[in-house]
Amino acid sequence: MPRATRAIEGSQRLRIRAATHGRSMQDETRDILRTALAVVNRQHATSPRPFADACCPVGGVGA
């Protein structure tokens, strides 16, 4: 599928999702990003090594 087609479909899905929630597309985008960041922050907050996990997820510093 061409990139432009995916972008248009993504915009249409966002428009429908925003309308379903009674928001503008911009407000819906902000909410999606806020939710995604909250999940990432929660995962890092519960990790015993949040800095190392964020910086070196594949094999540690010396890998």
PDB file of N, CA and C in Angstrom:
ATOM      1  N   MET A   1       0.842  -1.168   0.000  1.00  0.00           N
ATOM      2  CA  MET A   1       0.000   0.000   0.000  1.00  0.00           C
ATOM      3  C   MET A   1       0.895   1.242   0.000  1.00  0.00           C
ATOM      4  N   PRO A   2       0.636   2.199  -0.859  1.00  0.00           N
ATOM      5  CA  PRO A   2       1.453   3.406  -0.919  1.00  0.00           C
ATOM      6  C   PRO A   2       1.369   4.220   0.371  1.00  0.00           C
ATOM      7  N   ARG A   3       2.453   4.916   0.656  1.00  0.00           N
ATOM      8  CA  ARG A   3       2.541   5.703   1.884  1.00  0.00           C
ATOM      9  C   ARG A   3       1.425   6.740   1.989  1.00  0.00           C
ATOM     10  N   ALA A   4       1.110   7.418   0.897  1.00  0.00           N
ATOM     11  CA  ALA A   4       0.064   8.443   0.901  1.00  0.00           C
ATOM     12  C   ALA A   4      -1.290   7.832   1.260  1.00  0.00           C
ATOM     13  N   THR A   5      -1.556   6.642   0.762  1.00  0.00           N
ATOM     14  CA  THR A   5      -2.814   5.962   1.067  1.00  0.00           C
ATOM     15  C   THR A   5      -2.911   5.649   2.548  1.00  0.00           C
ATOM     16  N   ARG A   6      -1.800   5.175   3.128  1.00  0.00           N
ATOM     17  CA  ARG A   6      -1.805   4.887   4.570  1.00  0.00           C
ATOM     18  C   ARG A   6      -2.030   6.152   5.379  1.00  0.00           C
ATOM     19  N   ALA A   7      -1.434   7.264   4.964  1.00  0.00           N
ATOM     20  CA  ALA A   7      -1.598   8.533   5.676  1.00  0.00           C
ATOM     21  C   ALA A   7      -3.049   9.003   5.626  1.00  0.00           C
ATOM     22  N   ILE A   8      -3.673   8.871   4.466  1.00  0.00           N
ATOM     23  CA  ILE A   8      -5.074   9.284   4.326  1.00  0.00           C
ATOM     24  C   ILE A   8      -5.959   8.397   5.190  1.00  0.00           C
ATOM     25  N   GLU A   9      -5.724   7.096   5.157  1.00  0.00           N
ATOM     26  CA  GLU A   9      -6.521   6.179   5.983  1.00  0.00           C
ATOM     27  C   GLU A   9      -6.326   6.471   7.462  1.00  0.00           C
ATOM     28  N   GLY A  10      -5.091   6.788   7.847  1.00  0.00           N
ATOM     29  CA  GLY A  10      -4.828   7.129   9.240  1.00  0.00           C
ATOM     30  C   GLY A  10      -5.566   8.389   9.657  1.00  0.00           C
ATOM     31  N   SER A  11      -5.600   9.378   8.791  1.00  0.00           N
ATOM     32  CA  SER A  11      -6.323  10.619   9.072  1.00  0.00           C
ATOM     33  C   SER A  11      -7.820  10.358   9.196  1.00  0.00           C
ATOM     34  N   GLN A  12      -8.331   9.515   8.328  1.00  0.00           N
ATOM     35  CA  GLN A  12      -9.759   9.184   8.393  1.00  0.00           C
ATOM     36  C   GLN A  12     -10.090   8.464   9.693  1.00  0.00           C
ATOM     37  N   ARG A  13      -9.231   7.538  10.094  1.00  0.00           N
ATOM     38  CA  ARG A  13      -9.466   6.822  11.353  1.00  0.00           C
ATOM     39  C   ARG A  13      -9.404   7.772  12.541  1.00  0.00           C
ATOM     40  N   LEU A  14      -8.454   8.702  12.510  1.00  0.00           N
ATOM     41  CA  LEU A  14      -8.336   9.683  13.586  1.00  0.00           C
ATOM     42  C   LEU A  14      -9.571  10.573  13.627  1.00  0.00           C
ATOM     43  N   ARG A  15     -10.044  11.011  12.458  1.00  0.00           N
ATOM     44  CA  ARG A  15     -11.232  11.867  12.393  1.00  0.00           C
ATOM     45  C   ARG A  15     -12.440  11.142  12.990  1.00  0.00           C
ATOM     46  N   ILE A  16     -12.610   9.871  12.665  1.00  0.00           N
ATOM     47  CA  ILE A  16     -13.740   9.089  13.189  1.00  0.00           C
ATOM     48  C   ILE A  16     -13.602   8.901  14.692  1.00  0.00           C
ATOM     49  N   ARG A  17     -12.404   8.575  15.132  1.00  0.00           N
ATOM     50  CA  ARG A  17     -12.178   8.383  16.576  1.00  0.00           C
ATOM     51  C   ARG A  17     -12.448   9.673  17.345  1.00  0.00           C
ATOM     52  N   ALA A  18     -11.985  10.802  16.805  1.00  0.00           N
ATOM     53  CA  ALA A  18     -12.214  12.093  17.457  1.00  0.00           C
ATOM     54  C   ALA A  18     -13.705  12.410  17.518  1.00  0.00           C
ATOM     55  N   ALA A  19     -14.406  12.175  16.422  1.00  0.00           N
ATOM     56  CA  ALA A  19     -15.846  12.448  16.401  1.00  0.00           C
ATOM     57  C   ALA A  19     -16.586  11.567  17.397  1.00  0.00           C
ATOM     58  N   THR A  20     -16.159  10.325  17.510  1.00  0.00           N
ATOM     59  CA  THR A  20     -16.781   9.406  18.465  1.00  0.00           C
ATOM     60  C   THR A  20     -16.639   9.914  19.894  1.00  0.00           C
ATOM     61  N   HIS A  21     -15.491  10.531  20.191  1.00  0.00           N
ATOM     62  CA  HIS A  21     -15.239  11.050  21.533  1.00  0.00           C
ATOM     63  C   HIS A  21     -15.665  12.510  21.692  1.00  0.00           C
ATOM     64  N   GLY A  22     -16.206  13.105  20.632  1.00  0.00           N
ATOM     65  CA  GLY A  22     -16.676  14.484  20.696  1.00  0.00           C
ATOM     66  C   GLY A  22     -15.549  15.501  20.816  1.00  0.00           C
ATOM     67  N   ARG A  23     -14.416  15.222  20.172  1.00  0.00           N
ATOM     68  CA  ARG A  23     -13.256  16.103  20.245  1.00  0.00           C
ATOM     69  C   ARG A  23     -12.776  16.453  18.852  1.00  0.00           C
ATOM     70  N   SER A  24     -11.897  17.449  18.818  1.00  0.00           N
ATOM     71  CA  SER A  24     -11.228  17.773  17.560  1.00  0.00           C
ATOM     72  C   SER A  24     -10.147  16.733  17.306  1.00  0.00           C
ATOM     73  N   MET A  25      -9.646  16.689  16.080  1.00  0.00           N
ATOM     74  CA  MET A  25      -8.561  15.756  15.765  1.00  0.00           C
ATOM     75  C   MET A  25      -7.320  16.094  16.590  1.00  0.00           C
ATOM     76  N   GLN A  26      -7.069  17.381  16.799  1.00  0.00           N
ATOM     77  CA  GLN A  26      -5.905  17.791  17.592  1.00  0.00           C
ATOM     78  C   GLN A  26      -6.037  17.325  19.038  1.00  0.00           C
ATOM     79  N   ASP A  27      -7.223  17.499  19.627  1.00  0.00           N
ATOM     80  CA  ASP A  27      -7.432  17.045  20.999  1.00  0.00           C
ATOM     81  C   ASP A  27      -7.314  15.527  21.104  1.00  0.00           C
ATOM     82  N   GLU A  28      -7.822  14.839  20.111  1.00  0.00           N
ATOM     83  CA  GLU A  28      -7.725  13.372  20.115  1.00  0.00           C
ATOM     84  C   GLU A  28      -6.271  12.939  20.019  1.00  0.00           C
ATOM     85  N   THR A  29      -5.497  13.608  19.167  1.00  0.00           N
ATOM     86  CA  THR A  29      -4.070  13.288  19.037  1.00  0.00           C
ATOM     87  C   THR A  29      -3.351  13.520  20.359  1.00  0.00           C
ATOM     88  N   ARG A  30      -3.648  14.644  21.013  1.00  0.00           N
ATOM     89  CA  ARG A  30      -3.030  14.921  22.320  1.00  0.00           C
ATOM     90  C   ARG A  30      -3.368  13.822  23.334  1.00  0.00           C
ATOM     91  N   ASP A  31      -4.623  13.384  23.327  1.00  0.00           N
ATOM     92  CA  ASP A  31      -5.029  12.340  24.270  1.00  0.00           C
ATOM     93  C   ASP A  31      -4.323  11.022  23.973  1.00  0.00           C
ATOM     94  N   ILE A  32      -4.181  10.676  22.709  1.00  0.00           N
ATOM     95  CA  ILE A  32      -3.482   9.445  22.322  1.00  0.00           C
ATOM     96  C   ILE A  32      -2.032   9.513  22.798  1.00  0.00           C
ATOM     97  N   LEU A  33      -1.379  10.640  22.563  1.00  0.00           N
ATOM     98  CA  LEU A  33       0.024  10.786  22.984  1.00  0.00           C
ATOM     99  C   LEU A  33       0.153  10.767  24.506  1.00  0.00           C
ATOM    100  N   ARG A  34      -0.749  11.463  25.207  1.00  0.00           N
ATOM    101  CA  ARG A  34      -0.720  11.460  26.675  1.00  0.00           C
ATOM    102  C   ARG A  34      -0.859  10.036  27.224  1.00  0.00           C
ATOM    103  N   THR A  35      -1.786   9.285  26.660  1.00  0.00           N
ATOM    104  CA  THR A  35      -2.015   7.908  27.106  1.00  0.00           C
ATOM    105  C   THR A  35      -0.789   7.045  26.835  1.00  0.00           C
ATOM    106  N   ALA A  36      -0.205   7.175  25.659  1.00  0.00           N
ATOM    107  CA  ALA A  36       0.982   6.377  25.327  1.00  0.00           C
ATOM    108  C   ALA A  36       2.143   6.723  26.242  1.00  0.00           C
ATOM    109  N   LEU A  37       2.356   8.000  26.519  1.00  0.00           N
ATOM    110  CA  LEU A  37       3.444   8.396  27.411  1.00  0.00           C
ATOM    111  C   LEU A  37       3.208   7.931  28.836  1.00  0.00           C
ATOM    112  N   ALA A  38       1.960   7.930  29.270  1.00  0.00           N
ATOM    113  CA  ALA A  38       1.652   7.455  30.619  1.00  0.00           C
ATOM    114  C   ALA A  38       1.998   5.973  30.755  1.00  0.00           C
ATOM    115  N   VAL A  39       1.710   5.192  29.725  1.00  0.00           N
ATOM    116  CA  VAL A  39       2.035   3.761  29.751  1.00  0.00           C
ATOM    117  C   VAL A  39       3.551   3.573  29.820  1.00  0.00           C
ATOM    118  N   VAL A  40       4.290   4.311  29.000  1.00  0.00           N
ATOM    119  CA  VAL A  40       5.750   4.201  29.005  1.00  0.00           C
ATOM    120  C   VAL A  40       6.306   4.616  30.359  1.00  0.00           C
ATOM    121  N   ASN A  41       5.808   5.728  30.898  1.00  0.00           N
ATOM    122  CA  ASN A  41       6.289   6.191  32.203  1.00  0.00           C
ATOM    123  C   ASN A  41       5.977   5.189  33.303  1.00  0.00           C
ATOM    124  N   ARG A  42       4.805   4.573  33.231  1.00  0.00           N
ATOM    125  CA  ARG A  42       4.427   3.571  34.232  1.00  0.00           C
ATOM    126  C   ARG A  42       5.353   2.359  34.151  1.00  0.00           C
ATOM    127  N   GLN A  43       5.689   1.940  32.938  1.00  0.00           N
ATOM    128  CA  GLN A  43       6.583   0.793  32.763  1.00  0.00           C
ATOM    129  C   GLN A  43       7.958   1.107  33.332  1.00  0.00           C
ATOM    130  N   HIS A  44       8.442   2.311  33.091  1.00  0.00           N
ATOM    131  CA  HIS A  44       9.759   2.686  33.606  1.00  0.00           C
ATOM    132  C   HIS A  44       9.744   2.880  35.110  1.00  0.00           C
ATOM    133  N   ALA A  45       8.624   3.341  35.656  1.00  0.00           N
ATOM    134  CA  ALA A  45       8.533   3.558  37.095  1.00  0.00           C
ATOM    135  C   ALA A  45       8.552   2.236  37.857  1.00  0.00           C
ATOM    136  N   THR A  46       8.047   1.169  37.255  1.00  0.00           N
ATOM    137  CA  THR A  46       8.009  -0.124  37.938  1.00  0.00           C
ATOM    138  C   THR A  46       9.256  -0.960  37.663  1.00  0.00           C
ATOM    139  N   SER A  47      10.092  -0.497  36.750  1.00  0.00           N
ATOM    140  CA  SER A  47      11.314  -1.233  36.438  1.00  0.00           C
ATOM    141  C   SER A  47      12.354  -0.984  37.516  1.00  0.00           C
ATOM    142  N   PRO A  48      13.079  -2.009  37.916  1.00  0.00           N
ATOM    143  CA  PRO A  48      14.107  -1.799  38.936  1.00  0.00           C
ATOM    144  C   PRO A  48      15.300  -1.000  38.408  1.00  0.00           C
ATOM    145  N   ARG A  49      15.433  -0.921  37.084  1.00  0.00           N
ATOM    146  CA  ARG A  49      16.550  -0.191  36.480  1.00  0.00           C
ATOM    147  C   ARG A  49      16.035   0.672  35.334  1.00  0.00           C
ATOM    148  N   PRO A  50      15.232   1.692  35.626  1.00  0.00           N
ATOM    149  CA  PRO A  50      14.605   2.441  34.539  1.00  0.00           C
ATOM    150  C   PRO A  50      15.595   3.091  33.588  1.00  0.00           C
ATOM    151  N   PHE A  51      16.683   3.645  34.087  1.00  0.00           N
ATOM    152  CA  PHE A  51      17.635   4.314  33.201  1.00  0.00           C
ATOM    153  C   PHE A  51      18.326   3.306  32.289  1.00  0.00           C
ATOM    154  N   ALA A  52      18.816   2.240  32.855  1.00  0.00           N
ATOM    155  CA  ALA A  52      19.507   1.228  32.059  1.00  0.00           C
ATOM    156  C   ALA A  52      18.565   0.573  31.061  1.00  0.00           C
ATOM    157  N   ASP A  53      17.330   0.329  31.474  1.00  0.00           N
ATOM    158  CA  ASP A  53      16.363  -0.280  30.561  1.00  0.00           C
ATOM    159  C   ASP A  53      16.047   0.646  29.394  1.00  0.00           C
ATOM    160  N   ALA A  54      15.977   1.946  29.652  1.00  0.00           N
ATOM    161  CA  ALA A  54      15.642   2.889  28.601  1.00  0.00           C
ATOM    162  C   ALA A  54      16.821   3.088  27.646  1.00  0.00           C
ATOM    163  N   CYS A  55      18.033   3.084  28.174  1.00  0.00           N
ATOM    164  CA  CYS A  55      19.204   3.377  27.347  1.00  0.00           C
ATOM    165  C   CYS A  55      19.798   2.146  26.677  1.00  0.00           C
ATOM    166  N   CYS A  56      19.719   1.038  27.323  1.00  0.00           N
ATOM    167  CA  CYS A  56      20.420  -0.165  26.842  1.00  0.00           C
ATOM    168  C   CYS A  56      19.495  -1.361  26.875  1.00  0.00           C
ATOM    169  N   PRO A  57      18.396  -1.357  26.114  1.00  0.00           N
ATOM    170  CA  PRO A  57      17.412  -2.423  26.221  1.00  0.00           C
ATOM    171  C   PRO A  57      17.863  -3.781  25.683  1.00  0.00           C
ATOM    172  N   VAL A  58      18.951  -3.818  24.922  1.00  0.00           N
ATOM    173  CA  VAL A  58      19.288  -5.083  24.266  1.00  0.00           C
ATOM    174  C   VAL A  58      20.421  -5.839  24.921  1.00  0.00           C
ATOM    175  N   GLY A  59      21.290  -5.368  25.600  1.00  0.00           N
ATOM    176  CA  GLY A  59      22.331  -6.245  26.107  1.00  0.00           C
ATOM    177  C   GLY A  59      23.225  -5.560  27.107  1.00  0.00           C
ATOM    178  N   GLY A  60      22.796  -4.465  27.605  1.00  0.00           N
ATOM    179  CA  GLY A  60      23.617  -3.788  28.573  1.00  0.00           C
ATOM    180  C   GLY A  60      24.623  -2.846  27.917  1.00  0.00           C
ATOM    181  N   VAL A  61      25.393  -2.233  28.731  1.00  0.00           N
ATOM    182  CA  VAL A  61      26.323  -1.220  28.262  1.00  0.00           C
ATOM    183  C   VAL A  61      27.454  -1.817  27.450  1.00  0.00           C
ATOM    184  N   GLY A  62      27.997  -2.951  27.877  1.00  0.00           N
ATOM    185  CA  GLY A  62      29.165  -3.520  27.206  1.00  0.00           C
ATOM    186  C   GLY A  62      28.842  -4.478  26.078  1.00  0.00           C
ATOM    187  N   ALA A  63      27.578  -4.679  25.768  1.00  0.00           N
ATOM    188  CA  ALA A  63      27.207  -5.668  24.762  1.00  0.00           C
ATOM    189  C   ALA A  63      27.463  -5.203  23.353  1.00  0.00           C
TER     190      ALA A  63
END
